[in-house]
PDB file of N, CA and C in Angstrom:
ATOM      1  N   MET A   1      81.149  57.275 120.081  1.00  0.00           N
ATOM      2  CA  MET A   1      81.713  58.290 121.006  1.00  0.00           C
ATOM      3  C   MET A   1      83.252  58.511 121.339  1.00  0.00           C
ATOM      4  N   ARG A   2      83.903  57.426 120.961  1.00  0.00           N
ATOM      5  CA  ARG A   2      84.999  57.826 120.852  1.00  0.00           C
ATOM      6  C   ARG A   2      85.702  58.652 119.666  1.00  0.00           C
ATOM      7  N   ILE A   3      84.704  58.304 118.675  1.00  0.00           N
ATOM      8  CA  ILE A   3      85.158  59.209 117.505  1.00  0.00           C
ATOM      9  C   ILE A   3      85.203  60.639 117.674  1.00  0.00           C
ATOM     10  N   PHE A   4      84.007  61.175 118.549  1.00  0.00           N
ATOM     11  CA  PHE A   4      83.592  62.390 118.779  1.00  0.00           C
ATOM     12  C   PHE A   4      84.892  62.943 119.591  1.00  0.00           C
ATOM     13  N   PHE A   5      85.342  62.264 120.804  1.00  0.00           N
ATOM     14  CA  PHE A   5      86.629  62.670 121.617  1.00  0.00           C
ATOM     15  C   PHE A   5      87.622  62.832 120.611  1.00  0.00           C
ATOM     16  N   THR A   6      87.864  62.157 119.608  1.00  0.00           N
ATOM     17  CA  THR A   6      89.065  61.969 118.623  1.00  0.00           C
ATOM     18  C   THR A   6      88.750  63.080 117.702  1.00  0.00           C
ATOM     19  N   LEU A   7      87.971  63.237 117.380  1.00  0.00           N
ATOM     20  CA  LEU A   7      87.356  64.684 116.444  1.00  0.00           C
ATOM     21  C   LEU A   7      87.544  65.705 117.113  1.00  0.00           C
ATOM     22  N   ALA A   8      87.092  65.837 118.405  1.00  0.00           N
ATOM     23  CA  ALA A   8      87.356  67.115 119.128  1.00  0.00           C
ATOM     24  C   ALA A   8      88.829  67.200 119.651  1.00  0.00           C
ATOM     25  N   GLY A   9      89.752  66.580 119.939  1.00  0.00           N
ATOM     26  CA  GLY A   9      90.746  66.867 120.401  1.00  0.00           C
ATOM     27  C   GLY A   9      91.587  67.149 119.134  1.00  0.00           C
ATOM     28  N   ILE A  10      91.601  66.657 117.841  1.00  0.00           N
ATOM     29  CA  ILE A  10      91.874  67.069 116.906  1.00  0.00           C
ATOM     30  C   ILE A  10      91.328  68.737 116.788  1.00  0.00           C
ATOM     31  N   LEU A  11      90.361  68.816 116.432  1.00  0.00           N
ATOM     32  CA  LEU A  11      89.783  70.308 116.318  1.00  0.00           C
ATOM     33  C   LEU A  11      90.485  71.333 117.331  1.00  0.00           C
ATOM     34  N   VAL A  12      90.600  71.104 118.687  1.00  0.00           N
ATOM     35  CA  VAL A  12      91.259  71.898 119.639  1.00  0.00           C
ATOM     36  C   VAL A  12      92.525  71.999 119.386  1.00  0.00           C
ATOM     37  N   THR A  13      93.170  70.845 118.805  1.00  0.00           N
ATOM     38  CA  THR A  13      94.851  71.282 118.221  1.00  0.00           C
ATOM     39  C   THR A  13      95.216  71.788 117.424  1.00  0.00           C
ATOM     40  N   VAL A  14      93.907  71.932 116.351  1.00  0.00           N
ATOM     41  CA  VAL A  14      94.189  72.813 115.122  1.00  0.00           C
ATOM     42  C   VAL A  14      94.276  74.220 115.859  1.00  0.00           C
ATOM     43  N   ILE A  15      92.867  74.336 116.582  1.00  0.00           N
ATOM     44  CA  ILE A  15      92.691  75.763 116.799  1.00  0.00           C
ATOM     45  C   ILE A  15      93.754  76.212 117.525  1.00  0.00           C
ATOM     46  N   PHE A  16      94.308  75.685 118.495  1.00  0.00           N
ATOM     47  CA  PHE A  16      95.550  76.385 119.119  1.00  0.00           C
ATOM     48  C   PHE A  16      97.028  76.464 118.617  1.00  0.00           C
ATOM     49  N   MET A  17      97.597  75.894 117.526  1.00  0.00           N
ATOM     50  CA  MET A  17      98.467  75.365 116.693  1.00  0.00           C
ATOM     51  C   MET A  17      99.031  77.004 116.675  1.00  0.00           C
ATOM     52  N   GLY A  18      98.504  77.934 116.317  1.00  0.00           N
ATOM     53  CA  GLY A  18      98.886  79.065 116.146  1.00  0.00           C
ATOM     54  C   GLY A  18      99.798  79.894 117.282  1.00  0.00           C
ATOM     55  N   SER A  19      99.275  79.375 118.387  1.00  0.00           N
ATOM     56  CA  SER A  19     100.001  80.257 119.805  1.00  0.00           C
ATOM     57  C   SER A  19     101.101  79.345 119.935  1.00  0.00           C
ATOM     58  N   VAL A  20     101.638  78.336 119.076  1.00  0.00           N
ATOM     59  CA  VAL A  20     102.568  77.644 119.329  1.00  0.00           C
ATOM     60  C   VAL A  20     103.777  77.813 118.454  1.00  0.00           C
ATOM     61  N   MET A  21     103.113  78.088 117.033  1.00  0.00           N
ATOM     62  CA  MET A  21     104.187  78.385 116.160  1.00  0.00           C
ATOM     63  C   MET A  21     104.820  79.719 116.256  1.00  0.00           C
ATOM     64  N   ALA A  22     105.978  79.939 115.760  1.00  0.00           N
ATOM     65  CA  ALA A  22     107.199  80.890 116.219  1.00  0.00           C
ATOM     66  C   ALA A  22     106.739  81.836 115.733  1.00  0.00           C
ATOM     67  N   VAL A  23     106.609  82.090 114.475  1.00  0.00           N
ATOM     68  CA  VAL A  23     106.029  83.334 113.655  1.00  0.00           C
ATOM     69  C   VAL A  23     104.949  82.869 112.638  1.00  0.00           C
ATOM     70  N   PRO A  24     103.727  82.855 112.811  1.00  0.00           N
ATOM     71  CA  PRO A  24     102.905  82.637 112.065  1.00  0.00           C
ATOM     72  C   PRO A  24     102.637  83.621 110.673  1.00  0.00           C
ATOM     73  N   PRO A  25     102.593  83.496 109.426  1.00  0.00           N
ATOM     74  CA  PRO A  25     102.278  83.764 108.483  1.00  0.00           C
ATOM     75  C   PRO A  25     101.652  85.408 108.953  1.00  0.00           C
ATOM     76  N   GLY A  26     102.445  86.697 108.245  1.00  0.00           N
ATOM     77  CA  GLY A  26     101.634  88.027 108.449  1.00  0.00           C
ATOM     78  C   GLY A  26     102.302  88.416 109.677  1.00  0.00           C
ATOM     79  N   LYS A  27     102.960  87.499 111.015  1.00  0.00           N
ATOM     80  CA  LYS A  27     103.235  88.151 112.174  1.00  0.00           C
ATOM     81  C   LYS A  27     104.492  88.403 111.964  1.00  0.00           C
ATOM     82  N   THR A  28     105.001  88.912 113.247  1.00  0.00           N
ATOM     83  CA  THR A  28     106.275  89.332 113.595  1.00  0.00           C
ATOM     84  C   THR A  28     106.753  88.829 114.981  1.00  0.00           C
ATOM     85  N   VAL A  29     108.279  88.834 115.411  1.00  0.00           N
ATOM     86  CA  VAL A  29     108.310  88.292 116.708  1.00  0.00           C
ATOM     87  C   VAL A  29     109.209  89.606 117.317  1.00  0.00           C
ATOM     88  N   GLU A  30     109.052  90.245 118.284  1.00  0.00           N
ATOM     89  CA  GLU A  30     110.136  91.028 119.003  1.00  0.00           C
ATOM     90  C   GLU A  30     110.676  90.584 120.207  1.00  0.00           C
ATOM     91  N   TRP A  31     111.996  90.924 119.916  1.00  0.00           N
ATOM     92  CA  TRP A  31     112.759  90.786 121.396  1.00  0.00           C
ATOM     93  C   TRP A  31     113.277  92.061 121.917  1.00  0.00           C
ATOM     94  N   GLU A  32     113.079  92.482 123.112  1.00  0.00           N
ATOM     95  CA  GLU A  32     113.422  93.466 123.800  1.00  0.00           C
ATOM     96  C   GLU A  32     115.199  93.350 124.097  1.00  0.00           C
ATOM     97  N   ASN A  33     116.031  94.507 123.847  1.00  0.00           N
ATOM     98  CA  ASN A  33     117.581  93.760 124.103  1.00  0.00           C
ATOM     99  C   ASN A  33     117.800  95.346 124.165  1.00  0.00           C
ATOM    100  N   PRO A  34     119.234  95.521 124.947  1.00  0.00           N
ATOM    101  CA  PRO A  34     119.784  96.807 125.174  1.00  0.00           C
ATOM    102  C   PRO A  34     120.439  97.258 124.239  1.00  0.00           C
ATOM    103  N   ALA A  35     120.819  96.647 123.232  1.00  0.00           N
ATOM    104  CA  ALA A  35     121.161  97.187 121.702  1.00  0.00           C
ATOM    105  C   ALA A  35     120.156  98.065 121.009  1.00  0.00           C
ATOM    106  N   GLY A  36     118.593  97.512 121.543  1.00  0.00           N
ATOM    107  CA  GLY A  36     117.705  98.072 120.379  1.00  0.00           C
ATOM    108  C   GLY A  36     116.660  96.852 120.331  1.00  0.00           C
ATOM    109  N   THR A  37     115.361  96.793 120.363  1.00  0.00           N
ATOM    110  CA  THR A  37     114.727  95.818 120.024  1.00  0.00           C
ATOM    111  C   THR A  37     114.679  95.252 118.412  1.00  0.00           C
ATOM    112  N   VAL A  38     114.902  94.243 118.655  1.00  0.00           N
ATOM    113  CA  VAL A  38     115.035  93.355 117.330  1.00  0.00           C
ATOM    114  C   VAL A  38     113.744  92.628 117.096  1.00  0.00           C
ATOM    115  N   ILE A  39     113.292  92.827 115.628  1.00  0.00           N
ATOM    116  CA  ILE A  39     112.154  92.184 115.048  1.00  0.00           C
ATOM    117  C   ILE A  39     112.215  91.784 113.596  1.00  0.00           C
ATOM    118  N   PHE A  40     111.698  90.017 114.046  1.00  0.00           N
ATOM    119  CA  PHE A  40     111.764  89.273 113.019  1.00  0.00           C
ATOM    120  C   PHE A  40     110.752  89.389 112.267  1.00  0.00           C
ATOM    121  N   ASP A  41     110.444  89.373 111.147  1.00  0.00           N
ATOM    122  CA  ASP A  41     109.826  89.171 110.069  1.00  0.00           C
ATOM    123  C   ASP A  41     110.106  88.284 109.411  1.00  0.00           C
ATOM    124  N   GLY A  42     109.156  86.985 109.285  1.00  0.00           N
ATOM    125  CA  GLY A  42     109.190  85.896 108.537  1.00  0.00           C
ATOM    126  C   GLY A  42     109.470  86.217 107.161  1.00  0.00           C
ATOM    127  N   LYS A  43     108.486  86.833 106.589  1.00  0.00           N
ATOM    128  CA  LYS A  43     108.352  87.553 104.876  1.00  0.00           C
ATOM    129  C   LYS A  43     109.623  87.648 104.247  1.00  0.00           C
ATOM    130  N   ILE A  44     110.351  88.188 105.276  1.00  0.00           N
ATOM    131  CA  ILE A  44     111.512  88.844 104.443  1.00  0.00           C
ATOM    132  C   ILE A  44     112.367  87.603 104.070  1.00  0.00           C
ATOM    133  N   HIS A  45     112.842  86.886 105.079  1.00  0.00           N
ATOM    134  CA  HIS A  45     113.561  85.419 104.975  1.00  0.00           C
ATOM    135  C   HIS A  45     112.241  84.654 103.897  1.00  0.00           C
ATOM    136  N   SER A  46     111.261  84.576 103.769  1.00  0.00           N
ATOM    137  CA  SER A  46     110.478  83.455 102.755  1.00  0.00           C
ATOM    138  C   SER A  46     110.683  84.480 101.299  1.00  0.00           C
ATOM    139  N   ASP A  47     110.553  85.678 101.226  1.00  0.00           N
ATOM    140  CA  ASP A  47     110.924  86.197  99.883  1.00  0.00           C
ATOM    141  C   ASP A  47     112.274  86.152  99.128  1.00  0.00           C
ATOM    142  N   LYS A  48     113.283  85.523 100.434  1.00  0.00           N
ATOM    143  CA  LYS A  48     114.554  84.979  99.946  1.00  0.00           C
ATOM    144  C   LYS A  48     114.302  83.850  99.145  1.00  0.00           C
ATOM    145  N   GLY A  49     113.404  82.857  99.464  1.00  0.00           N
ATOM    146  CA  GLY A  49     113.343  81.518  98.457  1.00  0.00           C
ATOM    147  C   GLY A  49     113.479  80.646 100.421  1.00  0.00           C
ATOM    148  N   LEU A  50     113.641  81.336 101.400  1.00  0.00           N
ATOM    149  CA  LEU A  50     113.579  80.373 102.560  1.00  0.00           C
ATOM    150  C   LEU A  50     112.088  79.709 103.005  1.00  0.00           C
ATOM    151  N   LYS A  51     112.230  78.352 103.363  1.00  0.00           N
ATOM    152  CA  LYS A  51     110.879  77.978 104.238  1.00  0.00           C
ATOM    153  C   LYS A  51     111.533  77.834 105.569  1.00  0.00           C
ATOM    154  N   CYS A  52     110.176  78.056 106.326  1.00  0.00           N
ATOM    155  CA  CYS A  52     110.185  77.619 107.772  1.00  0.00           C
ATOM    156  C   CYS A  52     111.340  76.547 108.256  1.00  0.00           C
ATOM    157  N   ASN A  53     110.767  75.999 107.415  1.00  0.00           N
ATOM    158  CA  ASN A  53     111.562  74.352 107.904  1.00  0.00           C
ATOM    159  C   ASN A  53     113.115  74.650 107.711  1.00  0.00           C
ATOM    160  N   ASP A  54     113.603  75.379 107.022  1.00  0.00           N
ATOM    161  CA  ASP A  54     114.760  75.761 106.589  1.00  0.00           C
ATOM    162  C   ASP A  54     115.893  76.161 108.068  1.00  0.00           C
ATOM    163  N   CYS A  55     115.034  76.948 108.932  1.00  0.00           N
ATOM    164  CA  CYS A  55     115.762  77.228 110.328  1.00  0.00           C
ATOM    165  C   CYS A  55     114.950  76.477 111.422  1.00  0.00           C
ATOM    166  N   HIS A  56     113.572  75.644 111.381  1.00  0.00           N
ATOM    167  CA  HIS A  56     112.648  75.458 112.505  1.00  0.00           C
ATOM    168  C   HIS A  56     113.025  73.709 111.742  1.00  0.00           C
ATOM    169  N   THR A  57     113.179  73.082 112.610  1.00  0.00           N
ATOM    170  CA  THR A  57     114.037  72.735 113.744  1.00  0.00           C
ATOM    171  C   THR A  57     115.414  72.521 114.000  1.00  0.00           C
ATOM    172  N   LYS A  58     115.962  72.834 112.817  1.00  0.00           N
ATOM    173  CA  LYS A  58     117.250  72.510 112.725  1.00  0.00           C
ATOM    174  C   LYS A  58     118.106  73.382 113.277  1.00  0.00           C
ATOM    175  N   ILE A  59     117.966  74.709 113.127  1.00  0.00           N
ATOM    176  CA  ILE A  59     118.450  75.651 114.362  1.00  0.00           C
ATOM    177  C   ILE A  59     117.349  76.343 115.574  1.00  0.00           C
ATOM    178  N   PHE A  60     116.339  76.608 115.275  1.00  0.00           N
ATOM    179  CA  PHE A  60     115.506  76.938 116.041  1.00  0.00           C
ATOM    180  C   PHE A  60     114.306  76.300 116.610  1.00  0.00           C
ATOM    181  N   ALA A  61     113.669  75.817 117.807  1.00  0.00           N
ATOM    182  CA  ALA A  61     112.720  75.082 118.381  1.00  0.00           C
ATOM    183  C   ALA A  61     111.478  75.941 117.261  1.00  0.00           C
ATOM    184  N   MET A  62     110.249  75.168 116.665  1.00  0.00           N
ATOM    185  CA  MET A  62     109.186  75.784 116.739  1.00  0.00           C
ATOM    186  C   MET A  62     108.373  76.369 117.663  1.00  0.00           C
ATOM    187  N   LYS A  63     108.593  76.169 119.056  1.00  0.00           N
ATOM    188  CA  LYS A  63     107.761  77.219 119.920  1.00  0.00           C
ATOM    189  C   LYS A  63     108.413  78.506 120.530  1.00  0.00           C
ATOM    190  N   LYS A  64     107.634  79.405 120.608  1.00  0.00           N
ATOM    191  CA  LYS A  64     108.309  81.027 120.723  1.00  0.00           C
ATOM    192  C   LYS A  64     108.660  80.856 121.973  1.00  0.00           C
ATOM    193  N   GLY A  65     109.858  81.517 122.425  1.00  0.00           N
ATOM    194  CA  GLY A  65     110.430  81.874 123.757  1.00  0.00           C
ATOM    195  C   GLY A  65     111.775  80.739 124.138  1.00  0.00           C
ATOM    196  N   THR A  66     111.738  79.755 123.124  1.00  0.00           N
ATOM    197  CA  THR A  66     112.745  78.372 123.532  1.00  0.00           C
ATOM    198  C   THR A  66     114.032  78.817 123.511  1.00  0.00           C
ATOM    199  N   ALA A  67     114.266  79.801 122.580  1.00  0.00           N
ATOM    200  CA  ALA A  67     115.705  80.106 121.821  1.00  0.00           C
ATOM    201  C   ALA A  67     116.136  81.299 123.255  1.00  0.00           C
ATOM    202  N   GLN A  68     117.232  81.371 123.896  1.00  0.00           N
ATOM    203  CA  GLN A  68     118.123  82.301 124.831  1.00  0.00           C
ATOM    204  C   GLN A  68     119.223  82.669 123.762  1.00  0.00           C
ATOM    205  N   MET A  69     119.082  83.728 123.291  1.00  0.00           N
ATOM    206  CA  MET A  69     120.086  84.024 121.965  1.00  0.00           C
ATOM    207  C   MET A  69     120.758  85.028 122.762  1.00  0.00           C
ATOM    208  N   ASN A  70     122.311  85.262 122.168  1.00  0.00           N
ATOM    209  CA  ASN A  70     122.946  86.328 122.841  1.00  0.00           C
ATOM    210  C   ASN A  70     124.144  86.496 121.212  1.00  0.00           C
ATOM    211  N   MET A  71     124.334  87.564 121.078  1.00  0.00           N
ATOM    212  CA  MET A  71     125.292  87.881 120.432  1.00  0.00           C
ATOM    213  C   MET A  71     127.116  87.026 120.299  1.00  0.00           C
ATOM    214  N   LYS A  72     127.490  86.966 121.241  1.00  0.00           N
ATOM    215  CA  LYS A  72     128.557  86.075 121.325  1.00  0.00           C
ATOM    216  C   LYS A  72     128.354  84.558 121.070  1.00  0.00           C
ATOM    217  N   GLU A  73     127.063  83.886 121.064  1.00  0.00           N
ATOM    218  CA  GLU A  73     126.614  82.794 120.397  1.00  0.00           C
ATOM    219  C   GLU A  73     126.337  82.960 119.037  1.00  0.00           C
ATOM    220  N   GLN A  74     125.741  83.780 118.693  1.00  0.00           N
ATOM    221  CA  GLN A  74     125.236  83.982 117.029  1.00  0.00           C
ATOM    222  C   GLN A  74     126.787  84.479 116.285  1.00  0.00           C
ATOM    223  N   ASN A  75     127.755  84.695 116.684  1.00  0.00           N
ATOM    224  CA  ASN A  75     128.704  85.524 115.844  1.00  0.00           C
ATOM    225  C   ASN A  75     129.666  84.212 115.881  1.00  0.00           C
ATOM    226  N   ALA A  76     129.490  83.109 116.759  1.00  0.00           N
ATOM    227  CA  ALA A  76     130.267  81.810 116.893  1.00  0.00           C
ATOM    228  C   ALA A  76     129.674  80.936 116.061  1.00  0.00           C
ATOM    229  N   GLY A  77     127.995  81.448 115.143  1.00  0.00           N
ATOM    230  CA  GLY A  77     127.952  80.787 114.363  1.00  0.00           C
ATOM    231  C   GLY A  77     126.249  79.829 115.038  1.00  0.00           C
ATOM    232  N   ALA A  78     125.658  80.030 116.154  1.00  0.00           N
ATOM    233  CA  ALA A  78     124.642  79.700 116.344  1.00  0.00           C
ATOM    234  C   ALA A  78     123.469  80.715 116.183  1.00  0.00           C
ATOM    235  N   PHE A  79     122.041  79.824 116.411  1.00  0.00           N
ATOM    236  CA  PHE A  79     121.095  81.217 116.115  1.00  0.00           C
ATOM    237  C   PHE A  79     121.196  81.569 114.660  1.00  0.00           C
ATOM    238  N   CYS A  80     120.995  82.981 114.514  1.00  0.00           N
ATOM    239  CA  CYS A  80     120.937  83.403 113.137  1.00  0.00           C
ATOM    240  C   CYS A  80     122.606  83.350 112.604  1.00  0.00           C
ATOM    241  N   GLY A  81     123.355  83.379 113.399  1.00  0.00           N
ATOM    242  CA  GLY A  81     124.838  83.259 112.773  1.00  0.00           C
ATOM    243  C   GLY A  81     124.778  82.554 111.951  1.00  0.00           C
ATOM    244  N   ALA A  82     123.932  81.174 111.785  1.00  0.00           N
ATOM    245  CA  ALA A  82     124.235  79.821 111.362  1.00  0.00           C
ATOM    246  C   ALA A  82     123.926  80.161 109.950  1.00  0.00           C
ATOM    247  N   CYS A  83     123.570  81.316 109.527  1.00  0.00           N
ATOM    248  CA  CYS A  83     123.318  81.788 108.025  1.00  0.00           C
ATOM    249  C   CYS A  83     123.920  83.459 108.127  1.00  0.00           C
ATOM    250  N   HIS A  84     123.944  84.088 108.855  1.00  0.00           N
ATOM    251  CA  HIS A  84     124.510  85.395 109.008  1.00  0.00           C
ATOM    252  C   HIS A  84     125.844  85.249 109.329  1.00  0.00           C
ATOM    253  N   ASP A  85     126.608  84.538 108.019  1.00  0.00           N
ATOM    254  CA  ASP A  85     128.011  84.797 108.470  1.00  0.00           C
ATOM    255  C   ASP A  85     128.705  85.218 107.605  1.00  0.00           C
ATOM    256  N   GLY A  86     128.320  86.168 106.712  1.00  0.00           N
ATOM    257  CA  GLY A  86     128.849  87.186 106.038  1.00  0.00           C
ATOM    258  C   GLY A  86     129.070  86.318 104.633  1.00  0.00           C
ATOM    259  N   THR A  87     128.717  85.040 104.584  1.00  0.00           N
ATOM    260  CA  THR A  87     128.978  84.210 103.402  1.00  0.00           C
ATOM    261  C   THR A  87     127.414  84.027 102.658  1.00  0.00           C
ATOM    262  N   GLY A  88     126.480  83.254 103.497  1.00  0.00           N
ATOM    263  CA  GLY A  88     125.280  83.087 103.283  1.00  0.00           C
ATOM    264  C   GLY A  88     124.395  84.500 103.271  1.00  0.00           C
ATOM    265  N   ALA A  89     124.635  85.284 104.291  1.00  0.00           N
ATOM    266  CA  ALA A  89     123.836  86.729 104.519  1.00  0.00           C
ATOM    267  C   ALA A  89     124.927  87.443 105.137  1.00  0.00           C
ATOM    268  N   PHE A  90     124.622  88.681 105.535  1.00  0.00           N
ATOM    269  CA  PHE A  90     125.196  89.686 106.151  1.00  0.00           C
ATOM    270  C   PHE A  90     125.719  89.203 107.451  1.00  0.00           C
ATOM    271  N   ALA A  91     126.619  89.396 107.910  1.00  0.00           N
ATOM    272  CA  ALA A  91     127.488  88.775 109.509  1.00  0.00           C
ATOM    273  C   ALA A  91     126.942  89.274 110.231  1.00  0.00           C
ATOM    274  N   THR A  92     126.096  88.598 111.203  1.00  0.00           N
ATOM    275  CA  THR A  92     125.807  89.509 112.652  1.00  0.00           C
ATOM    276  C   THR A  92     127.627  89.861 113.385  1.00  0.00           C
ATOM    277  N   SER A  93     128.375  89.608 113.411  1.00  0.00           N
ATOM    278  CA  SER A  93     129.696  90.215 114.104  1.00  0.00           C
ATOM    279  C   SER A  93     130.150  91.437 113.380  1.00  0.00           C
ATOM    280  N   SER A  94     129.476  92.036 112.099  1.00  0.00           N
ATOM    281  CA  SER A  94     130.105  92.778 111.690  1.00  0.00           C
ATOM    282  C   SER A  94     129.206  94.551 112.216  1.00  0.00           C
ATOM    283  N   ALA A  95     129.983  95.395 112.855  1.00  0.00           N
ATOM    284  CA  ALA A  95     129.679  96.428 113.243  1.00  0.00           C
ATOM    285  C   ALA A  95     128.586  97.301 112.631  1.00  0.00           C
ATOM    286  N   GLU A  96     128.980  97.184 111.142  1.00  0.00           N
ATOM    287  CA  GLU A  96     127.614  97.834 110.385  1.00  0.00           C
ATOM    288  C   GLU A  96     126.459  97.219 110.017  1.00  0.00           C
ATOM    289  N   SER A  97     126.193  95.759 110.718  1.00  0.00           N
ATOM    290  CA  SER A  97     125.127  94.851 110.512  1.00  0.00           C
ATOM    291  C   SER A  97     124.281  95.513 111.609  1.00  0.00           C
ATOM    292  N   CYS A  98     124.754  95.777 112.925  1.00  0.00           N
ATOM    293  CA  CYS A  98     124.092  96.174 114.266  1.00  0.00           C
ATOM    294  C   CYS A  98     122.432  96.486 113.641  1.00  0.00           C
ATOM    295  N   VAL A  99     122.354  97.750 112.622  1.00  0.00           N
ATOM    296  CA  VAL A  99     121.186  98.446 112.575  1.00  0.00           C
ATOM    297  C   VAL A  99     120.198  97.915 111.486  1.00  0.00           C
ATOM    298  N   ARG A 100     120.595  96.649 111.207  1.00  0.00           N
ATOM    299  CA  ARG A 100     119.806  95.892 110.024  1.00  0.00           C
ATOM    300  C   ARG A 100     118.903  94.955 111.011  1.00  0.00           C
ATOM    301  N   CYS A 101     119.405  94.609 112.225  1.00  0.00           N
ATOM    302  CA  CYS A 101     118.310  93.916 113.124  1.00  0.00           C
ATOM    303  C   CYS A 101     117.776  94.536 114.500  1.00  0.00           C
ATOM    304  N   HIS A 102     119.283  95.798 115.203  1.00  0.00           N
ATOM    305  CA  HIS A 102     118.771  96.336 116.344  1.00  0.00           C
ATOM    306  C   HIS A 102     117.764  97.381 115.886  1.00  0.00           C
ATOM    307  N   THR A 103     116.716  98.007 116.486  1.00  0.00           N
ATOM    308  CA  THR A 103     116.812  99.446 116.190  1.00  0.00           C
ATOM    309  C   THR A 103     116.201  99.989 117.896  1.00  0.00           C
ATOM    310  N   LYS A 104     116.970 101.179 117.627  1.00  0.00           N
ATOM    311  CA  LYS A 104     116.267 102.093 119.109  1.00  0.00           C
ATOM    312  C   LYS A 104     114.950 102.347 119.171  1.00  0.00           C
TER     313      LYS A 104
END
């Protein structure tokens, strides 16, 4: 009986794991923002050779909705700004780059 409950617990965990993951494969996540909606598509980053663990859990938690981001923190090197600093990737602080993430 203990084996049954253990297996049932594992099965339930596996089934609901997708709702905990930040951006499951083939999906996007959106943030509404006064500067325009930000749509994150993990495929763009994976196509550049990045893995989920490159950002999660080092920069972002694995659970959607845990990061309360703002541009001041990003421009100081937090969140997306950890890589998007003008060296690793386009800079979040560049006015020309706004439209690369924010869409009206």
